[in-house]
């Protein structure tokens, strides 16, 4: 197996785990095992559905951790890949370590909202590091390099930060059990701007900022289509535009159908995909060959 294929598979597996994790939350399985790293003091406990969800998530995450470590060693063993990929590989290992720590704290701190939110964001950063390695492996033969001084650089940066913050707000809604604080859509208890108190505040912050993120992603997509030449940037931002529009639909379905478990998981996964495609667009936007031709 080539290193490129290895990181393609690893990135896909991490992305799948970003569906699995929210499903653990949606099925109220997060504390099915009250201890960590064992479950009721056993490596293989007696299974109920919730224990199966929680332990399965741990086992799968453990496999991912081993693969991240293998990829890190693989890259560092070769002087050429160590030079070009050493930084993202080191970041992937750093995010892996922090993810393990946050996973343990999520259990021992009894699903404390801050820990849950950081656990999600750290997983996204781990995915980003592995995707960066995968993308750089594709670019090696074309002699590309990173160039910060590109048109619209702050536009891309703002969109990436906004999408990442929206994921954080979504985590706050989930960890504070605010998904049904507003039982109707698009209004909240029949009001467009309800009193921002209690769990309604978490829900409405996520909802209103989601509209802003949608506008930002769609406008960046339009900007790329109209002004940029890089076809990969245009393609990825088009997909991000479709995904962010679909995200509003999933959010509405979550409310109107009272948080169906699969829809809840897909809502998180789709949000991560919005960030991922914006990130890949930014990656190619800031790459240029050494002759300066984009």
Protein backbone atom coordinates (compact mmCIF):
# COMPACT_ATOMS: atom_id res chain seq x y z
CA UNK A 1 0.00 0.00 0.00
CA UNK A 2 1.25 3.49 -0.84
CA UNK A 3 1.38 6.31 1.71
CA UNK A 4 -1.13 8.24 -0.37
CA UNK A 5 -3.67 5.41 -0.30
CA UNK A 6 -3.02 4.88 3.41
CA UNK A 7 -3.99 8.48 4.23
CA UNK A 8 -6.98 8.33 1.89
CA UNK A 9 -8.35 5.38 3.85
CA UNK A 10 -7.38 6.88 7.22
CA UNK A 11 -9.08 10.21 6.44
CA UNK A 12 -12.25 8.39 5.36
CA UNK A 13 -12.21 6.33 8.57
CA UNK A 14 -11.83 9.44 10.73
CA UNK A 15 -14.70 11.05 8.85
CA UNK A 16 -16.85 7.98 9.55
CA UNK A 17 -15.98 8.30 13.24
CA UNK A 18 -17.35 11.83 13.14
CA UNK A 19 -20.71 10.22 12.41
CA UNK A 20 -20.24 7.46 14.97
CA UNK A 21 -19.45 9.88 17.82
CA UNK A 22 -22.64 11.96 17.42
CA UNK A 23 -24.67 8.73 17.20
CA UNK A 24 -23.24 7.71 20.58
CA UNK A 25 -24.48 11.04 21.89
CA UNK A 26 -27.84 10.82 20.12
CA UNK A 27 -28.54 7.38 21.59
CA UNK A 28 -27.66 8.58 25.12
CA UNK A 29 -24.80 6.09 25.21
CA UNK A 30 -22.08 8.49 26.30
CA UNK A 31 -22.13 7.28 29.91
CA UNK A 32 -23.10 3.66 29.25
CA UNK A 33 -19.58 2.96 30.51
CA UNK A 34 -19.07 5.05 33.67
CA UNK A 35 -15.32 4.31 33.79
CA UNK A 36 -12.43 4.75 31.37
CA UNK A 37 -10.54 3.18 29.61
CA UNK A 38 -12.34 0.02 30.76
CA UNK A 39 -16.12 -0.40 30.79
CA UNK A 40 -17.57 -1.52 34.11
CA UNK A 41 -14.06 -2.68 34.92
CA UNK A 42 -13.83 -4.93 31.86
CA UNK A 43 -12.16 -4.66 28.48
CA UNK A 44 -15.04 -6.64 26.94
CA UNK A 45 -18.15 -5.97 29.06
CA UNK A 46 -21.58 -7.55 28.86
CA UNK A 47 -23.24 -5.80 25.97
CA UNK A 48 -26.44 -3.82 25.89
CA UNK A 49 -27.19 -1.59 22.91
CA UNK A 50 -25.85 1.51 24.64
CA UNK A 51 -22.73 -0.25 25.89
CA UNK A 52 -22.19 -1.60 22.37
CA UNK A 53 -22.38 1.94 20.97
CA UNK A 54 -19.98 3.38 23.54
CA UNK A 55 -17.47 0.51 23.56
CA UNK A 56 -17.64 0.18 19.78
CA UNK A 57 -16.77 3.87 19.49
CA UNK A 58 -13.81 3.35 21.81
CA UNK A 59 -12.55 0.30 19.90
CA UNK A 60 -12.91 2.04 16.54
CA UNK A 61 -11.17 5.16 17.86
CA UNK A 62 -8.39 2.94 19.20
CA UNK A 63 -7.86 1.46 15.74
CA UNK A 64 -7.69 4.99 14.31
CA UNK A 65 -5.12 5.93 16.93
CA UNK A 66 -2.91 3.00 15.95
CA UNK A 67 -3.20 3.95 12.28
CA UNK A 68 -2.30 7.59 12.98
CA UNK A 69 0.78 6.36 14.85
CA UNK A 70 1.74 4.05 11.96
CA UNK A 71 1.39 6.93 9.50
CA UNK A 72 3.54 9.16 11.71
CA UNK A 73 6.34 6.57 11.89
CA UNK A 74 6.03 5.83 8.15
CA UNK A 75 6.52 9.52 7.31
CA UNK A 76 9.41 10.06 9.72
CA UNK A 77 11.33 6.99 8.52
CA UNK A 78 11.75 8.46 5.02
CA UNK A 79 13.94 11.62 4.88
CA UNK A 80 11.99 12.98 1.89
CA UNK A 81 8.53 12.62 3.44
CA UNK A 82 9.88 13.71 6.83
CA UNK A 83 10.97 17.01 5.31
CA UNK A 84 7.76 17.71 3.39
CA UNK A 85 5.17 16.11 5.70
CA UNK A 86 6.81 16.24 9.13
CA UNK A 87 4.77 19.19 10.37
CA UNK A 88 1.25 17.87 9.56
CA UNK A 89 2.29 14.38 10.70
CA UNK A 90 3.46 15.78 14.05
CA UNK A 91 0.22 17.74 14.34
CA UNK A 92 -1.80 14.59 13.66
CA UNK A 93 0.02 12.84 16.52
CA UNK A 94 -0.51 15.85 18.81
CA UNK A 95 -4.23 15.94 18.01
CA UNK A 96 -4.43 12.19 18.55
CA UNK A 97 -2.93 12.49 22.04
CA UNK A 98 -5.25 15.35 22.97
CA UNK A 99 -8.21 13.41 21.53
CA UNK A 100 -7.45 10.45 23.77
CA UNK A 101 -7.21 12.74 26.80
CA UNK A 102 -10.46 14.52 25.90
CA UNK A 103 -12.19 11.18 25.33
CA UNK A 104 -11.26 10.08 28.83
CA UNK A 105 -12.31 13.41 30.32
CA UNK A 106 -15.64 13.25 28.50
CA UNK A 107 -16.46 10.16 30.56
CA UNK A 108 -14.83 11.08 33.87
CA UNK A 109 -16.29 14.59 33.77
CA UNK A 110 -19.75 13.13 33.09
CA UNK A 111 -20.19 14.65 29.62
CA UNK A 112 -19.25 18.16 30.72
CA UNK A 113 -20.28 20.49 27.85
CA UNK A 114 -16.84 22.08 27.43
CA UNK A 115 -15.12 18.70 27.23
CA UNK A 116 -17.69 17.37 24.75
CA UNK A 117 -17.31 20.43 22.51
CA UNK A 118 -13.50 20.31 22.57
CA UNK A 119 -13.64 16.57 21.80
CA UNK A 120 -15.57 17.32 18.60
CA UNK A 121 -13.38 20.23 17.48
CA UNK A 122 -10.19 18.29 18.17
CA UNK A 123 -11.49 15.43 16.01
CA UNK A 124 -12.04 17.90 13.18
CA UNK A 125 -8.48 19.18 13.58
CA UNK A 126 -7.14 15.60 13.53
CA UNK A 127 -9.06 14.99 10.32
CA UNK A 128 -7.70 18.23 8.84
CA UNK A 129 -4.11 17.22 9.61
CA UNK A 130 -4.54 13.83 7.92
CA UNK A 131 -6.31 15.38 4.92
CA UNK A 132 -3.46 17.89 4.62
CA UNK A 133 -0.97 15.02 4.37
CA UNK A 134 -3.15 13.33 1.76
CA UNK A 135 -3.42 16.50 -0.32
CA UNK A 136 0.29 17.27 -0.08
CA UNK A 137 1.11 13.78 -1.31
CA UNK A 138 -0.96 14.54 -4.42
CA UNK A 139 0.89 17.80 -4.98
CA UNK A 140 4.48 16.58 -4.58
CA UNK A 141 5.01 15.80 -8.25
CA UNK A 142 3.81 19.23 -9.39
CA UNK A 143 6.39 21.09 -7.25
CA UNK A 144 3.88 23.25 -5.45
CA UNK A 145 4.43 25.45 -2.43
CA UNK A 146 2.33 27.47 -0.01
CA UNK A 147 1.80 31.14 -0.87
CA UNK A 148 -0.06 33.34 1.61
CA UNK A 149 -0.28 36.42 -0.60
CA UNK A 150 -3.23 35.32 -2.69
CA UNK A 151 -6.41 37.18 -3.65
CA UNK A 152 -9.21 36.75 -1.13
CA UNK A 153 -6.93 35.28 1.54
CA UNK A 154 -8.83 36.84 4.43
CA UNK A 155 -12.13 35.81 2.89
CA UNK A 156 -11.06 32.15 2.97
CA UNK A 157 -9.74 32.50 6.51
CA UNK A 158 -12.95 34.11 7.79
CA UNK A 159 -15.10 31.39 6.22
CA UNK A 160 -12.99 28.58 7.71
CA UNK A 161 -13.09 30.12 11.18
CA UNK A 162 -16.82 30.79 10.90
CA UNK A 163 -17.62 27.19 9.90
CA UNK A 164 -15.40 25.87 12.70
CA UNK A 165 -17.12 28.13 15.22
CA UNK A 166 -20.51 26.97 13.95
CA UNK A 167 -19.45 23.38 14.67
CA UNK A 168 -18.57 24.52 18.18
CA UNK A 169 -22.01 26.14 18.58
CA UNK A 170 -23.62 22.93 17.36
CA UNK A 171 -21.67 21.05 20.02
CA UNK A 172 -22.99 23.48 22.64
CA UNK A 173 -26.56 22.79 21.54
CA UNK A 174 -26.00 19.04 21.82
CA UNK A 175 -24.07 19.10 25.10
CA UNK A 176 -26.65 21.38 26.73
CA UNK A 177 -29.56 19.31 25.37
CA UNK A 178 -30.93 22.38 23.60
CA UNK A 179 -31.89 20.71 20.33
CA UNK A 180 -35.60 21.06 21.04
CA UNK A 181 -35.45 24.29 23.01
CA UNK A 182 -37.18 25.75 19.97
CA UNK A 183 -39.81 23.18 18.89
CA UNK A 184 -40.70 24.95 15.64
CA UNK A 185 -38.84 26.14 12.55
CA UNK A 186 -37.98 28.73 11.25
CA UNK A 187 -39.46 30.57 14.23
CA UNK A 188 -38.90 29.70 17.89
CA UNK A 189 -42.10 29.34 19.93
CA UNK A 190 -43.75 31.37 17.17
CA UNK A 191 -41.23 34.24 17.44
CA UNK A 192 -38.45 35.21 15.06
CA UNK A 193 -36.38 36.71 17.87
CA UNK A 194 -37.34 35.04 21.17
CA UNK A 195 -35.85 35.94 24.53
CA UNK A 196 -32.30 34.62 24.62
CA UNK A 197 -32.50 32.80 27.93
CA UNK A 198 -31.56 29.30 29.05
CA UNK A 199 -31.27 26.63 26.40
CA UNK A 200 -33.12 28.85 23.90
CA UNK A 201 -30.00 31.02 23.78
CA UNK A 202 -27.78 28.07 22.77
CA UNK A 203 -30.29 26.95 20.15
CA UNK A 204 -30.84 30.39 18.62
CA UNK A 205 -27.14 31.27 18.60
CA UNK A 206 -26.50 28.14 16.56
CA UNK A 207 -29.46 28.77 14.28
CA UNK A 208 -28.79 32.46 13.59
CA UNK A 209 -25.05 32.01 13.14
CA UNK A 210 -25.84 29.14 10.78
CA UNK A 211 -27.63 31.56 8.48
CA UNK A 212 -24.54 33.79 8.50
CA UNK A 213 -22.27 30.84 7.74
CA UNK A 214 -24.53 29.83 4.86
CA UNK A 215 -24.25 33.31 3.36
CA UNK A 216 -20.47 33.33 3.82
CA UNK A 217 -19.96 29.94 2.17
CA UNK A 218 -22.31 30.70 -0.73
CA UNK A 219 -20.75 34.11 -1.31
CA UNK A 220 -17.22 32.65 -1.23
CA UNK A 221 -18.35 30.04 -3.76
CA UNK A 222 -19.72 32.78 -6.01
CA UNK A 223 -16.50 34.77 -5.57
CA UNK A 224 -14.41 31.77 -6.62
CA UNK A 225 -16.57 30.97 -9.64
CA UNK A 226 -16.50 34.57 -10.88
CA UNK A 227 -12.92 35.62 -10.15
CA UNK A 228 -10.58 32.67 -9.53
CA UNK A 229 -8.93 30.42 -12.10
CA UNK A 230 -8.12 27.33 -10.04
CA UNK A 231 -10.71 24.72 -11.04
CA UNK A 232 -10.23 22.64 -7.91
CA UNK A 233 -11.01 25.64 -5.71
CA UNK A 234 -14.18 26.30 -7.68
CA UNK A 235 -15.24 22.66 -7.58
CA UNK A 236 -14.74 22.24 -3.83
CA UNK A 237 -16.53 25.49 -3.01
CA UNK A 238 -19.46 24.53 -5.22
CA UNK A 239 -19.78 21.31 -3.23
CA UNK A 240 -19.49 23.26 0.03
CA UNK A 241 -22.31 25.50 -1.16
CA UNK A 242 -24.56 22.52 -1.82
CA UNK A 243 -23.66 20.97 1.53
CA UNK A 244 -24.29 24.11 3.57
CA UNK A 245 -27.72 24.46 1.95
CA UNK A 246 -28.46 20.82 2.80
CA UNK A 247 -27.31 21.55 6.35
CA UNK A 248 -30.21 23.95 6.89
CA UNK A 249 -32.61 21.26 5.70
CA UNK A 250 -31.12 18.74 8.15
CA UNK A 251 -31.34 21.28 10.96
CA UNK A 252 -35.00 21.87 10.20
CA UNK A 253 -35.68 18.13 10.12
CA UNK A 254 -33.99 17.77 13.50
CA UNK A 255 -36.42 20.25 15.01
CA UNK A 256 -39.61 19.29 13.20
CA UNK A 257 -39.16 15.54 13.74
CA UNK A 258 -37.79 15.82 17.31
CA UNK A 259 -34.15 14.88 16.82
CA UNK A 260 -34.24 11.60 14.85
CA UNK A 261 -31.00 9.85 15.76
CA UNK A 262 -29.72 9.31 12.24
CA UNK A 263 -30.59 12.86 11.16
CA UNK A 264 -28.82 14.22 14.24
CA UNK A 265 -25.68 12.27 13.34
CA UNK A 266 -25.86 13.32 9.69
CA UNK A 267 -26.28 16.95 10.75
CA UNK A 268 -22.93 16.83 12.52
CA UNK A 269 -21.24 14.86 9.74
CA UNK A 270 -22.54 17.23 7.06
CA UNK A 271 -21.30 20.22 9.05
CA UNK A 272 -17.85 18.64 9.17
CA UNK A 273 -18.03 18.06 5.40
CA UNK A 274 -18.81 21.76 4.85
CA UNK A 275 -15.65 22.63 6.78
CA UNK A 276 -13.64 19.94 4.99
CA UNK A 277 -14.52 21.10 1.47
CA UNK A 278 -13.89 24.74 2.41
CA UNK A 279 -10.55 23.64 3.86
CA UNK A 280 -9.58 21.72 0.72
CA UNK A 281 -10.55 24.71 -1.41
CA UNK A 282 -8.34 26.92 0.76
CA UNK A 283 -5.50 24.39 0.50
CA UNK A 284 -5.49 24.59 -3.28
CA UNK A 285 -6.09 28.34 -3.29
CA UNK A 286 -2.88 28.87 -1.34
CA UNK A 287 -0.80 26.47 -3.47
CA UNK A 288 1.21 27.65 -6.43
CA UNK A 289 3.98 26.08 -8.47
CA UNK A 290 7.45 27.47 -8.12
CA UNK A 291 7.14 29.36 -11.39
CA UNK A 292 4.23 31.27 -9.96
CA UNK A 293 1.61 29.74 -12.26
CA UNK A 294 -1.59 28.74 -10.48
